[in-house]
């Protein structure tokens, strides 16, 4: 994984990052957005347009939000969404499930 979306995105989902992503690797759950780790090309286009500063390069994530590396990755596994590597967010559209931790996250 290269870029990760963290806690400030929960219940905000501005979507500016989606418009900037050249490879369509930012997917939408009910409460937040997720970056598909295998599809992200490390272009950094999403990071500066996020109005709530929720997107970080994985090595630069504040310690308090480090668990979002796992949360973003696990969201694409069969046990959560079953998306794996679908080849573009526009193809699958918004999903009806968040990662279990995000679904119950207190903001």
PDB file of N, CA and C in Angstrom:
ATOM      1  N   UNK A   1       0.850  -1.182   0.000  1.00  0.00           N
ATOM      2  CA  UNK A   1       0.000   0.000   0.000  1.00  0.00           C
ATOM      3  C   UNK A   1       0.887   1.233   0.000  1.00  0.00           C
ATOM      4  N   UNK A   2       0.438   2.264  -0.662  1.00  0.00           N
ATOM      5  CA  UNK A   2       1.239   3.466  -0.738  1.00  0.00           C
ATOM      6  C   UNK A   2       0.555   4.610   0.009  1.00  0.00           C
ATOM      7  N   UNK A   3      -0.638   4.975  -0.379  1.00  0.00           N
ATOM      8  CA  UNK A   3      -1.383   6.022   0.322  1.00  0.00           C
ATOM      9  C   UNK A   3      -2.540   5.390   1.080  1.00  0.00           C
ATOM     10  N   UNK A   4      -2.879   6.002   2.217  1.00  0.00           N
ATOM     11  CA  UNK A   4      -3.898   5.451   3.111  1.00  0.00           C
ATOM     12  C   UNK A   4      -4.837   6.574   3.534  1.00  0.00           C
ATOM     13  N   UNK A   5      -6.121   6.280   3.569  1.00  0.00           N
ATOM     14  CA  UNK A   5      -7.109   7.226   4.060  1.00  0.00           C
ATOM     15  C   UNK A   5      -7.381   6.904   5.525  1.00  0.00           C
ATOM     16  N   UNK A   6      -7.393   7.943   6.367  1.00  0.00           N
ATOM     17  CA  UNK A   6      -7.477   7.755   7.809  1.00  0.00           C
ATOM     18  C   UNK A   6      -8.745   8.369   8.409  1.00  0.00           C
ATOM     19  N   UNK A   7      -8.804   8.383   9.715  1.00  0.00           N
ATOM     20  CA  UNK A   7      -9.978   8.767  10.505  1.00  0.00           C
ATOM     21  C   UNK A   7     -10.677  10.063  10.104  1.00  0.00           C
ATOM     22  N   UNK A   8      -9.978  11.139   9.722  1.00  0.00           N
ATOM     23  CA  UNK A   8     -10.702  12.370   9.380  1.00  0.00           C
ATOM     24  C   UNK A   8     -11.705  12.216   8.230  1.00  0.00           C
ATOM     25  N   UNK A   9     -11.584  11.174   7.442  1.00  0.00           N
ATOM     26  CA  UNK A   9     -12.523  10.944   6.330  1.00  0.00           C
ATOM     27  C   UNK A   9     -13.859  10.390   6.811  1.00  0.00           C
ATOM     28  N   UNK A  10     -13.880   9.754   7.968  1.00  0.00           N
ATOM     29  CA  UNK A  10     -15.111   9.125   8.445  1.00  0.00           C
ATOM     30  C   UNK A  10     -16.218  10.163   8.559  1.00  0.00           C
ATOM     31  N   UNK A  11     -17.316   9.866   7.913  1.00  0.00           N
ATOM     32  CA  UNK A  11     -18.526  10.697   7.863  1.00  0.00           C
ATOM     33  C   UNK A  11     -18.336  12.016   7.121  1.00  0.00           C
ATOM     34  N   UNK A  12     -17.222  12.152   6.381  1.00  0.00           N
ATOM     35  CA  UNK A  12     -17.000  13.354   5.568  1.00  0.00           C
ATOM     36  C   UNK A  12     -17.091  13.004   4.083  1.00  0.00           C
ATOM     37  N   UNK A  13     -16.255  12.089   3.625  1.00  0.00           N
ATOM     38  CA  UNK A  13     -16.231  11.619   2.237  1.00  0.00           C
ATOM     39  C   UNK A  13     -16.384  12.744   1.217  1.00  0.00           C
ATOM     40  N   UNK A  14     -15.491  13.698   1.230  1.00  0.00           N
ATOM     41  CA  UNK A  14     -15.530  14.840   0.320  1.00  0.00           C
ATOM     42  C   UNK A  14     -15.454  14.440  -1.155  1.00  0.00           C
ATOM     43  N   UNK A  15     -14.753  13.399  -1.477  1.00  0.00           N
ATOM     44  CA  UNK A  15     -14.604  12.848  -2.824  1.00  0.00           C
ATOM     45  C   UNK A  15     -13.699  13.639  -3.766  1.00  0.00           C
ATOM     46  N   UNK A  16     -13.075  14.709  -3.296  1.00  0.00           N
ATOM     47  CA  UNK A  16     -12.114  15.433  -4.145  1.00  0.00           C
ATOM     48  C   UNK A  16     -10.992  14.501  -4.590  1.00  0.00           C
ATOM     49  N   UNK A  17     -10.611  13.601  -3.702  1.00  0.00           N
ATOM     50  CA  UNK A  17      -9.539  12.661  -4.024  1.00  0.00           C
ATOM     51  C   UNK A  17      -9.933  11.737  -5.175  1.00  0.00           C
ATOM     52  N   UNK A  18     -11.196  11.358  -5.223  1.00  0.00           N
ATOM     53  CA  UNK A  18     -11.678  10.486  -6.300  1.00  0.00           C
ATOM     54  C   UNK A  18     -11.531  11.186  -7.641  1.00  0.00           C
ATOM     55  N   UNK A  19     -11.879  12.465  -7.687  1.00  0.00           N
ATOM     56  CA  UNK A  19     -11.776  13.232  -8.930  1.00  0.00           C
ATOM     57  C   UNK A  19     -10.336  13.355  -9.412  1.00  0.00           C
ATOM     58  N   UNK A  20      -9.372  13.368  -8.487  1.00  0.00           N
ATOM     59  CA  UNK A  20      -7.962  13.544  -8.846  1.00  0.00           C
ATOM     60  C   UNK A  20      -7.237  12.243  -9.161  1.00  0.00           C
ATOM     61  N   UNK A  21      -7.757  11.128  -8.706  1.00  0.00           N
ATOM     62  CA  UNK A  21      -7.057   9.851  -8.860  1.00  0.00           C
ATOM     63  C   UNK A  21      -7.036   9.411 -10.333  1.00  0.00           C
ATOM     64  N   UNK A  22      -5.850   9.293 -10.928  1.00  0.00           N
ATOM     65  CA  UNK A  22      -5.781   8.918 -12.344  1.00  0.00           C
ATOM     66  C   UNK A  22      -6.025   7.434 -12.619  1.00  0.00           C
ATOM     67  N   UNK A  23      -6.009   6.602 -11.581  1.00  0.00           N
ATOM     68  CA  UNK A  23      -6.187   5.165 -11.795  1.00  0.00           C
ATOM     69  C   UNK A  23      -7.466   4.615 -11.160  1.00  0.00           C
ATOM     70  N   UNK A  24      -8.309   5.489 -10.629  1.00  0.00           N
ATOM     71  CA  UNK A  24      -9.613   5.073 -10.092  1.00  0.00           C
ATOM     72  C   UNK A  24      -9.484   4.028  -8.987  1.00  0.00           C
ATOM     73  N   UNK A  25      -8.550   4.271  -8.040  1.00  0.00           N
ATOM     74  CA  UNK A  25      -8.298   3.274  -6.989  1.00  0.00           C
ATOM     75  C   UNK A  25      -8.907   3.655  -5.641  1.00  0.00           C
ATOM     76  N   UNK A  26      -9.749   4.682  -5.594  1.00  0.00           N
ATOM     77  CA  UNK A  26     -10.358   5.108  -4.341  1.00  0.00           C
ATOM     78  C   UNK A  26     -11.828   4.696  -4.349  1.00  0.00           C
ATOM     79  N   UNK A  27     -12.171   3.815  -3.430  1.00  0.00           N
ATOM     80  CA  UNK A  27     -13.494   3.203  -3.364  1.00  0.00           C
ATOM     81  C   UNK A  27     -14.297   3.788  -2.211  1.00  0.00           C
ATOM     82  N   UNK A  28     -15.606   3.691  -2.315  1.00  0.00           N
ATOM     83  CA  UNK A  28     -16.482   4.320  -1.336  1.00  0.00           C
ATOM     84  C   UNK A  28     -17.266   3.309  -0.508  1.00  0.00           C
ATOM     85  N   UNK A  29     -17.155   3.456   0.808  1.00  0.00           N
ATOM     86  CA  UNK A  29     -17.994   2.720   1.739  1.00  0.00           C
ATOM     87  C   UNK A  29     -19.029   3.682   2.292  1.00  0.00           C
ATOM     88  N   UNK A  30     -19.933   3.233   3.139  1.00  0.00           N
ATOM     89  CA  UNK A  30     -20.959   4.119   3.686  1.00  0.00           C
ATOM     90  C   UNK A  30     -20.423   5.297   4.503  1.00  0.00           C
ATOM     91  N   UNK A  31     -19.328   5.088   5.255  1.00  0.00           N
ATOM     92  CA  UNK A  31     -18.830   6.156   6.142  1.00  0.00           C
ATOM     93  C   UNK A  31     -17.513   6.766   5.701  1.00  0.00           C
ATOM     94  N   UNK A  32     -16.736   6.077   4.878  1.00  0.00           N
ATOM     95  CA  UNK A  32     -15.440   6.624   4.454  1.00  0.00           C
ATOM     96  C   UNK A  32     -15.007   6.044   3.126  1.00  0.00           C
ATOM     97  N   UNK A  33     -13.911   6.578   2.600  1.00  0.00           N
ATOM     98  CA  UNK A  33     -13.320   6.122   1.356  1.00  0.00           C
ATOM     99  C   UNK A  33     -12.105   5.253   1.662  1.00  0.00           C
ATOM    100  N   UNK A  34     -11.761   4.365   0.735  1.00  0.00           N
ATOM    101  CA  UNK A  34     -10.658   3.425   0.916  1.00  0.00           C
ATOM    102  C   UNK A  34      -9.810   3.384  -0.351  1.00  0.00           C
ATOM    103  N   UNK A  35      -8.488   3.298  -0.198  1.00  0.00           N
ATOM    104  CA  UNK A  35      -7.583   3.189  -1.337  1.00  0.00           C
ATOM    105  C   UNK A  35      -7.189   1.732  -1.517  1.00  0.00           C
ATOM    106  N   UNK A  36      -7.404   1.212  -2.723  1.00  0.00           N
ATOM    107  CA  UNK A  36      -7.037  -0.170  -3.019  1.00  0.00           C
ATOM    108  C   UNK A  36      -5.515  -0.239  -3.119  1.00  0.00           C
ATOM    109  N   UNK A  37      -4.856  -0.971  -2.210  1.00  0.00           N
ATOM    110  CA  UNK A  37      -3.393  -0.940  -2.128  1.00  0.00           C
ATOM    111  C   UNK A  37      -2.665  -1.447  -3.372  1.00  0.00           C
ATOM    112  N   UNK A  38      -3.238  -2.387  -4.104  1.00  0.00           N
ATOM    113  CA  UNK A  38      -2.571  -2.922  -5.289  1.00  0.00           C
ATOM    114  C   UNK A  38      -2.782  -2.045  -6.517  1.00  0.00           C
ATOM    115  N   UNK A  39      -3.793  -1.201  -6.485  1.00  0.00           N
ATOM    116  CA  UNK A  39      -4.094  -0.348  -7.636  1.00  0.00           C
ATOM    117  C   UNK A  39      -3.448   1.031  -7.527  1.00  0.00           C
ATOM    118  N   UNK A  40      -3.113   1.475  -6.313  1.00  0.00           N
ATOM    119  CA  UNK A  40      -2.503   2.792  -6.102  1.00  0.00           C
ATOM    120  C   UNK A  40      -1.122   2.816  -6.754  1.00  0.00           C
ATOM    121  N   UNK A  41      -0.846   3.872  -7.519  1.00  0.00           N
ATOM    122  CA  UNK A  41       0.431   3.978  -8.240  1.00  0.00           C
ATOM    123  C   UNK A  41       1.388   4.991  -7.602  1.00  0.00           C
ATOM    124  N   UNK A  42       1.086   5.434  -6.388  1.00  0.00           N
ATOM    125  CA  UNK A  42       1.976   6.340  -5.659  1.00  0.00           C
ATOM    126  C   UNK A  42       2.165   7.673  -6.376  1.00  0.00           C
ATOM    127  N   UNK A  43       1.099   8.201  -6.973  1.00  0.00           N
ATOM    128  CA  UNK A  43       1.218   9.462  -7.700  1.00  0.00           C
ATOM    129  C   UNK A  43       1.033  10.676  -6.789  1.00  0.00           C
ATOM    130  N   UNK A  44       0.407  10.484  -5.636  1.00  0.00           N
ATOM    131  CA  UNK A  44       0.178  11.537  -4.643  1.00  0.00           C
ATOM    132  C   UNK A  44      -0.855  12.576  -5.062  1.00  0.00           C
ATOM    133  N   UNK A  45      -1.587  12.351  -6.121  1.00  0.00           N
ATOM    134  CA  UNK A  45      -2.584  13.331  -6.577  1.00  0.00           C
ATOM    135  C   UNK A  45      -3.699  13.525  -5.553  1.00  0.00           C
ATOM    136  N   UNK A  46      -4.029  12.496  -4.822  1.00  0.00           N
ATOM    137  CA  UNK A  46      -5.138  12.551  -3.869  1.00  0.00           C
ATOM    138  C   UNK A  46      -4.808  13.342  -2.601  1.00  0.00           C
ATOM    139  N   UNK A  47      -3.584  13.262  -2.168  1.00  0.00           N
ATOM    140  CA  UNK A  47      -3.199  13.828  -0.867  1.00  0.00           C
ATOM    141  C   UNK A  47      -3.441  15.339  -0.740  1.00  0.00           C
ATOM    142  N   UNK A  48      -2.976  16.165  -1.653  1.00  0.00           N
ATOM    143  CA  UNK A  48      -3.132  17.611  -1.448  1.00  0.00           C
ATOM    144  C   UNK A  48      -4.557  18.135  -1.612  1.00  0.00           C
ATOM    145  N   UNK A  49      -5.444  17.381  -2.248  1.00  0.00           N
ATOM    146  CA  UNK A  49      -6.811  17.872  -2.455  1.00  0.00           C
ATOM    147  C   UNK A  49      -7.770  17.493  -1.334  1.00  0.00           C
ATOM    148  N   UNK A  50      -7.335  16.677  -0.407  1.00  0.00           N
ATOM    149  CA  UNK A  50      -8.198  16.262   0.699  1.00  0.00           C
ATOM    150  C   UNK A  50      -8.408  17.438   1.660  1.00  0.00           C
ATOM    151  N   UNK A  51      -9.641  17.923   1.791  1.00  0.00           N
ATOM    152  CA  UNK A  51      -9.889  19.101   2.627  1.00  0.00           C
ATOM    153  C   UNK A  51      -9.755  18.849   4.131  1.00  0.00           C
ATOM    154  N   UNK A  52      -9.789  17.587   4.542  1.00  0.00           N
ATOM    155  CA  UNK A  52      -9.677  17.276   5.971  1.00  0.00           C
ATOM    156  C   UNK A  52      -8.342  16.616   6.319  1.00  0.00           C
ATOM    157  N   UNK A  53      -7.422  16.594   5.371  1.00  0.00           N
ATOM    158  CA  UNK A  53      -6.083  16.019   5.565  1.00  0.00           C
ATOM    159  C   UNK A  53      -6.144  14.605   6.132  1.00  0.00           C
ATOM    160  N   UNK A  54      -6.907  13.759   5.450  1.00  0.00           N
ATOM    161  CA  UNK A  54      -7.084  12.378   5.883  1.00  0.00           C
ATOM    162  C   UNK A  54      -6.180  11.397   5.137  1.00  0.00           C
ATOM    163  N   UNK A  55      -5.513  11.836   4.080  1.00  0.00           N
ATOM    164  CA  UNK A  55      -4.718  10.939   3.246  1.00  0.00           C
ATOM    165  C   UNK A  55      -3.236  11.148   3.526  1.00  0.00           C
ATOM    166  N   UNK A  56      -2.553  10.019   3.772  1.00  0.00           N
ATOM    167  CA  UNK A  56      -1.130  10.064   4.090  1.00  0.00           C
ATOM    168  C   UNK A  56      -0.388   8.972   3.332  1.00  0.00           C
ATOM    169  N   UNK A  57       0.878   9.268   3.010  1.00  0.00           N
ATOM    170  CA  UNK A  57       1.772   8.217   2.557  1.00  0.00           C
ATOM    171  C   UNK A  57       1.926   7.275   3.748  1.00  0.00           C
ATOM    172  N   UNK A  58       1.937   5.987   3.510  1.00  0.00           N
ATOM    173  CA  UNK A  58       1.893   5.032   4.622  1.00  0.00           C
ATOM    174  C   UNK A  58       3.000   5.216   5.651  1.00  0.00           C
ATOM    175  N   UNK A  59       4.162   5.666   5.258  1.00  0.00           N
ATOM    176  CA  UNK A  59       5.255   5.878   6.218  1.00  0.00           C
ATOM    177  C   UNK A  59       5.087   7.164   7.024  1.00  0.00           C
ATOM    178  N   UNK A  60       4.156   8.015   6.616  1.00  0.00           N
ATOM    179  CA  UNK A  60       3.959   9.308   7.275  1.00  0.00           C
ATOM    180  C   UNK A  60       2.670   9.397   8.097  1.00  0.00           C
ATOM    181  N   UNK A  61       1.975   8.305   8.250  1.00  0.00           N
ATOM    182  CA  UNK A  61       0.723   8.318   9.010  1.00  0.00           C
ATOM    183  C   UNK A  61       1.012   8.604  10.480  1.00  0.00           C
ATOM    184  N   UNK A  62       0.290   9.552  11.062  1.00  0.00           N
ATOM    185  CA  UNK A  62       0.460   9.785  12.502  1.00  0.00           C
ATOM    186  C   UNK A  62       0.183   8.494  13.280  1.00  0.00           C
ATOM    187  N   UNK A  63       0.939   8.281  14.313  1.00  0.00           N
ATOM    188  CA  UNK A  63       0.842   7.039  15.080  1.00  0.00           C
ATOM    189  C   UNK A  63      -0.586   6.734  15.527  1.00  0.00           C
ATOM    190  N   UNK A  64      -1.339   7.733  15.871  1.00  0.00           N
ATOM    191  CA  UNK A  64      -2.702   7.533  16.349  1.00  0.00           C
ATOM    192  C   UNK A  64      -3.602   6.881  15.286  1.00  0.00           C
ATOM    193  N   UNK A  65      -3.238   7.004  14.015  1.00  0.00           N
ATOM    194  CA  UNK A  65      -4.059   6.454  12.932  1.00  0.00           C
ATOM    195  C   UNK A  65      -3.375   5.310  12.176  1.00  0.00           C
ATOM    196  N   UNK A  66      -2.310   4.751  12.712  1.00  0.00           N
ATOM    197  CA  UNK A  66      -1.588   3.677  12.021  1.00  0.00           C
ATOM    198  C   UNK A  66      -2.457   2.465  11.716  1.00  0.00           C
ATOM    199  N   UNK A  67      -3.471   2.213  12.526  1.00  0.00           N
ATOM    200  CA  UNK A  67      -4.326   1.050  12.281  1.00  0.00           C
ATOM    201  C   UNK A  67      -5.091   1.163  10.957  1.00  0.00           C
ATOM    202  N   UNK A  68      -5.147   2.357  10.384  1.00  0.00           N
ATOM    203  CA  UNK A  68      -5.837   2.531   9.113  1.00  0.00           C
ATOM    204  C   UNK A  68      -5.084   1.910   7.948  1.00  0.00           C
ATOM    205  N   UNK A  69      -3.818   1.600   8.114  1.00  0.00           N
ATOM    206  CA  UNK A  69      -3.091   0.845   7.094  1.00  0.00           C
ATOM    207  C   UNK A  69      -3.770  -0.516   6.943  1.00  0.00           C
ATOM    208  N   UNK A  70      -4.016  -1.168   8.065  1.00  0.00           N
ATOM    209  CA  UNK A  70      -4.683  -2.472   8.060  1.00  0.00           C
ATOM    210  C   UNK A  70      -6.147  -2.345   7.660  1.00  0.00           C
ATOM    211  N   UNK A  71      -6.828  -1.337   8.179  1.00  0.00           N
ATOM    212  CA  UNK A  71      -8.245  -1.135   7.868  1.00  0.00           C
ATOM    213  C   UNK A  71      -8.441  -0.979   6.364  1.00  0.00           C
ATOM    214  N   UNK A  72      -7.633  -0.124   5.712  1.00  0.00           N
ATOM    215  CA  UNK A  72      -7.760   0.072   4.266  1.00  0.00           C
ATOM    216  C   UNK A  72      -7.499  -1.219   3.504  1.00  0.00           C
ATOM    217  N   UNK A  73      -6.469  -1.939   3.895  1.00  0.00           N
ATOM    218  CA  UNK A  73      -6.127  -3.189   3.222  1.00  0.00           C
ATOM    219  C   UNK A  73      -7.197  -4.254   3.417  1.00  0.00           C
ATOM    220  N   UNK A  74      -7.642  -4.446   4.645  1.00  0.00           N
ATOM    221  CA  UNK A  74      -8.631  -5.484   4.954  1.00  0.00           C
ATOM    222  C   UNK A  74      -9.989  -5.221   4.308  1.00  0.00           C
ATOM    223  N   UNK A  75     -10.319  -3.962   4.053  1.00  0.00           N
ATOM    224  CA  UNK A  75     -11.627  -3.657   3.476  1.00  0.00           C
ATOM    225  C   UNK A  75     -11.826  -4.339   2.119  1.00  0.00           C
ATOM    226  N   UNK A  76     -10.748  -4.606   1.419  1.00  0.00           N
ATOM    227  CA  UNK A  76     -10.830  -5.227   0.099  1.00  0.00           C
ATOM    228  C   UNK A  76     -10.809  -6.751   0.146  1.00  0.00           C
ATOM    229  N   UNK A  77     -10.646  -7.334   1.314  1.00  0.00           N
ATOM    230  CA  UNK A  77     -10.597  -8.793   1.434  1.00  0.00           C
ATOM    231  C   UNK A  77     -11.993  -9.395   1.356  1.00  0.00           C
ATOM    232  N   UNK A  78     -12.044 -10.669   1.030  1.00  0.00           N
ATOM    233  CA  UNK A  78     -13.315 -11.382   0.899  1.00  0.00           C
ATOM    234  C   UNK A  78     -14.192 -11.277   2.136  1.00  0.00           C
ATOM    235  N   UNK A  79     -13.567 -11.245   3.310  1.00  0.00           N
ATOM    236  CA  UNK A  79     -14.333 -11.250   4.549  1.00  0.00           C
ATOM    237  C   UNK A  79     -15.090  -9.940   4.792  1.00  0.00           C
ATOM    238  N   UNK A  80     -14.711  -8.861   4.118  1.00  0.00           N
ATOM    239  CA  UNK A  80     -15.393  -7.586   4.315  1.00  0.00           C
ATOM    240  C   UNK A  80     -16.240  -7.241   3.087  1.00  0.00           C
ATOM    241  N   UNK A  81     -15.608  -6.912   1.967  1.00  0.00           N
ATOM    242  CA  UNK A  81     -16.372  -6.537   0.767  1.00  0.00           C
ATOM    243  C   UNK A  81     -16.297  -7.579  -0.338  1.00  0.00           C
ATOM    244  N   UNK A  82     -15.247  -8.372  -0.336  1.00  0.00           N
ATOM    245  CA  UNK A  82     -15.071  -9.344  -1.406  1.00  0.00           C
ATOM    246  C   UNK A  82     -14.587  -8.713  -2.696  1.00  0.00           C
ATOM    247  N   UNK A  83     -14.148  -7.459  -2.637  1.00  0.00           N
ATOM    248  CA  UNK A  83     -13.714  -6.772  -3.849  1.00  0.00           C
ATOM    249  C   UNK A  83     -12.348  -7.213  -4.339  1.00  0.00           C
ATOM    250  N   UNK A  84     -11.439  -7.543  -3.434  1.00  0.00           N
ATOM    251  CA  UNK A  84     -10.063  -7.907  -3.764  1.00  0.00           C
ATOM    252  C   UNK A  84      -9.445  -6.802  -4.614  1.00  0.00           C
ATOM    253  N   UNK A  85      -9.196  -7.036  -5.879  1.00  0.00           N
ATOM    254  CA  UNK A  85      -8.646  -6.021  -6.782  1.00  0.00           C
ATOM    255  C   UNK A  85      -9.565  -5.918  -7.987  1.00  0.00           C
ATOM    256  N   UNK A  86     -10.634  -5.136  -7.857  1.00  0.00           N
ATOM    257  CA  UNK A  86     -11.675  -5.105  -8.886  1.00  0.00           C
ATOM    258  C   UNK A  86     -11.330  -4.350 -10.156  1.00  0.00           C
ATOM    259  N   UNK A  87     -10.252  -3.561 -10.166  1.00  0.00           N
ATOM    260  CA  UNK A  87      -9.860  -2.885 -11.388  1.00  0.00           C
ATOM    261  C   UNK A  87     -10.522  -1.544 -11.621  1.00  0.00           C
ATOM    262  N   UNK A  88     -10.900  -0.868 -10.574  1.00  0.00           N
ATOM    263  CA  UNK A  88     -11.449   0.471 -10.708  1.00  0.00           C
ATOM    264  C   UNK A  88     -12.729   0.682  -9.942  1.00  0.00           C
ATOM    265  N   UNK A  89     -12.766   1.763  -9.174  1.00  0.00           N
ATOM    266  CA  UNK A  89     -13.920   2.057  -8.336  1.00  0.00           C
ATOM    267  C   UNK A  89     -15.174   2.350  -9.147  1.00  0.00           C
ATOM    268  N   UNK A  90     -15.028   2.992 -10.295  1.00  0.00           N
ATOM    269  CA  UNK A  90     -16.193   3.326 -11.114  1.00  0.00           C
ATOM    270  C   UNK A  90     -16.913   2.063 -11.588  1.00  0.00           C
ATOM    271  N   UNK A  91     -16.179   0.992 -11.731  1.00  0.00           N
ATOM    272  CA  UNK A  91     -16.751  -0.276 -12.185  1.00  0.00           C
ATOM    273  C   UNK A  91     -17.704  -0.871 -11.158  1.00  0.00           C
ATOM    274  N   UNK A  92     -17.364  -0.748  -9.881  1.00  0.00           N
ATOM    275  CA  UNK A  92     -18.166  -1.384  -8.834  1.00  0.00           C
ATOM    276  C   UNK A  92     -19.109  -0.430  -8.103  1.00  0.00           C
ATOM    277  N   UNK A  93     -18.821   0.858  -8.150  1.00  0.00           N
ATOM    278  CA  UNK A  93     -19.678   1.842  -7.481  1.00  0.00           C
ATOM    279  C   UNK A  93     -19.550   1.795  -5.972  1.00  0.00           C
ATOM    280  N   UNK A  94     -20.327   2.634  -5.276  1.00  0.00           N
ATOM    281  CA  UNK A  94     -20.282   2.659  -3.803  1.00  0.00           C
ATOM    282  C   UNK A  94     -20.694   1.301  -3.226  1.00  0.00           C
ATOM    283  N   UNK A  95     -20.028   0.927  -2.153  1.00  0.00           N
ATOM    284  CA  UNK A  95     -20.323  -0.330  -1.483  1.00  0.00           C
ATOM    285  C   UNK A  95     -21.215  -0.075  -0.274  1.00  0.00           C
ATOM    286  N   UNK A  96     -21.912  -1.093   0.184  1.00  0.00           N
ATOM    287  CA  UNK A  96     -22.856  -0.931   1.299  1.00  0.00           C
ATOM    288  C   UNK A  96     -22.293  -1.396   2.639  1.00  0.00           C
ATOM    289  N   UNK A  97     -20.970  -1.577   2.705  1.00  0.00           N
ATOM    290  CA  UNK A  97     -20.353  -2.037   3.942  1.00  0.00           C
ATOM    291  C   UNK A  97     -19.031  -1.318   4.167  1.00  0.00           C
ATOM    292  N   UNK A  98     -18.780  -0.946   5.426  1.00  0.00           N
ATOM    293  CA  UNK A  98     -17.497  -0.392   5.830  1.00  0.00           C
ATOM    294  C   UNK A  98     -16.704  -1.477   6.541  1.00  0.00           C
ATOM    295  N   UNK A  99     -15.428  -1.214   6.751  1.00  0.00           N
ATOM    296  CA  UNK A  99     -14.639  -2.094   7.597  1.00  0.00           C
ATOM    297  C   UNK A  99     -15.338  -2.118   8.963  1.00  0.00           C
ATOM    298  N   UNK A 100     -15.386  -3.256   9.651  1.00  0.00           N
ATOM    299  CA  UNK A 100     -16.070  -3.322  10.944  1.00  0.00           C
ATOM    300  C   UNK A 100     -15.623  -2.256  11.951  1.00  0.00           C
ATOM    301  N   UNK A 101     -14.357  -1.918  11.982  1.00  0.00           N
ATOM    302  CA  UNK A 101     -13.893  -0.878  12.902  1.00  0.00           C
ATOM    303  C   UNK A 101     -14.430   0.495  12.513  1.00  0.00           C
ATOM    304  N   UNK A 102     -14.508   0.766  11.230  1.00  0.00           N
ATOM    305  CA  UNK A 102     -15.030   2.052  10.757  1.00  0.00           C
ATOM    306  C   UNK A 102     -16.528   2.118  11.001  1.00  0.00           C
ATOM    307  N   UNK A 103     -17.224   1.015  10.809  1.00  0.00           N
ATOM    308  CA  UNK A 103     -18.676   0.996  11.014  1.00  0.00           C
ATOM    309  C   UNK A 103     -19.071   1.380  12.427  1.00  0.00           C
ATOM    310  N   UNK A 104     -18.214   1.068  13.381  1.00  0.00           N
ATOM    311  CA  UNK A 104     -18.532   1.363  14.780  1.00  0.00           C
ATOM    312  C   UNK A 104     -17.672   2.486  15.362  1.00  0.00           C
ATOM    313  N   UNK A 105     -16.911   3.150  14.521  1.00  0.00           N
ATOM    314  CA  UNK A 105     -15.994   4.195  14.971  1.00  0.00           C
ATOM    315  C   UNK A 105     -16.766   5.376  15.539  1.00  0.00           C
ATOM    316  N   UNK A 106     -16.338   5.830  16.709  1.00  0.00           N
ATOM    317  CA  UNK A 106     -16.940   7.020  17.346  1.00  0.00           C
ATOM    318  C   UNK A 106     -16.119   8.224  16.916  1.00  0.00           C
ATOM    319  N   UNK A 107     -16.758   9.163  16.254  1.00  0.00           N
ATOM    320  CA  UNK A 107     -16.050  10.360  15.782  1.00  0.00           C
ATOM    321  C   UNK A 107     -16.186  11.460  16.812  1.00  0.00           C
TER     322      UNK A 107
END
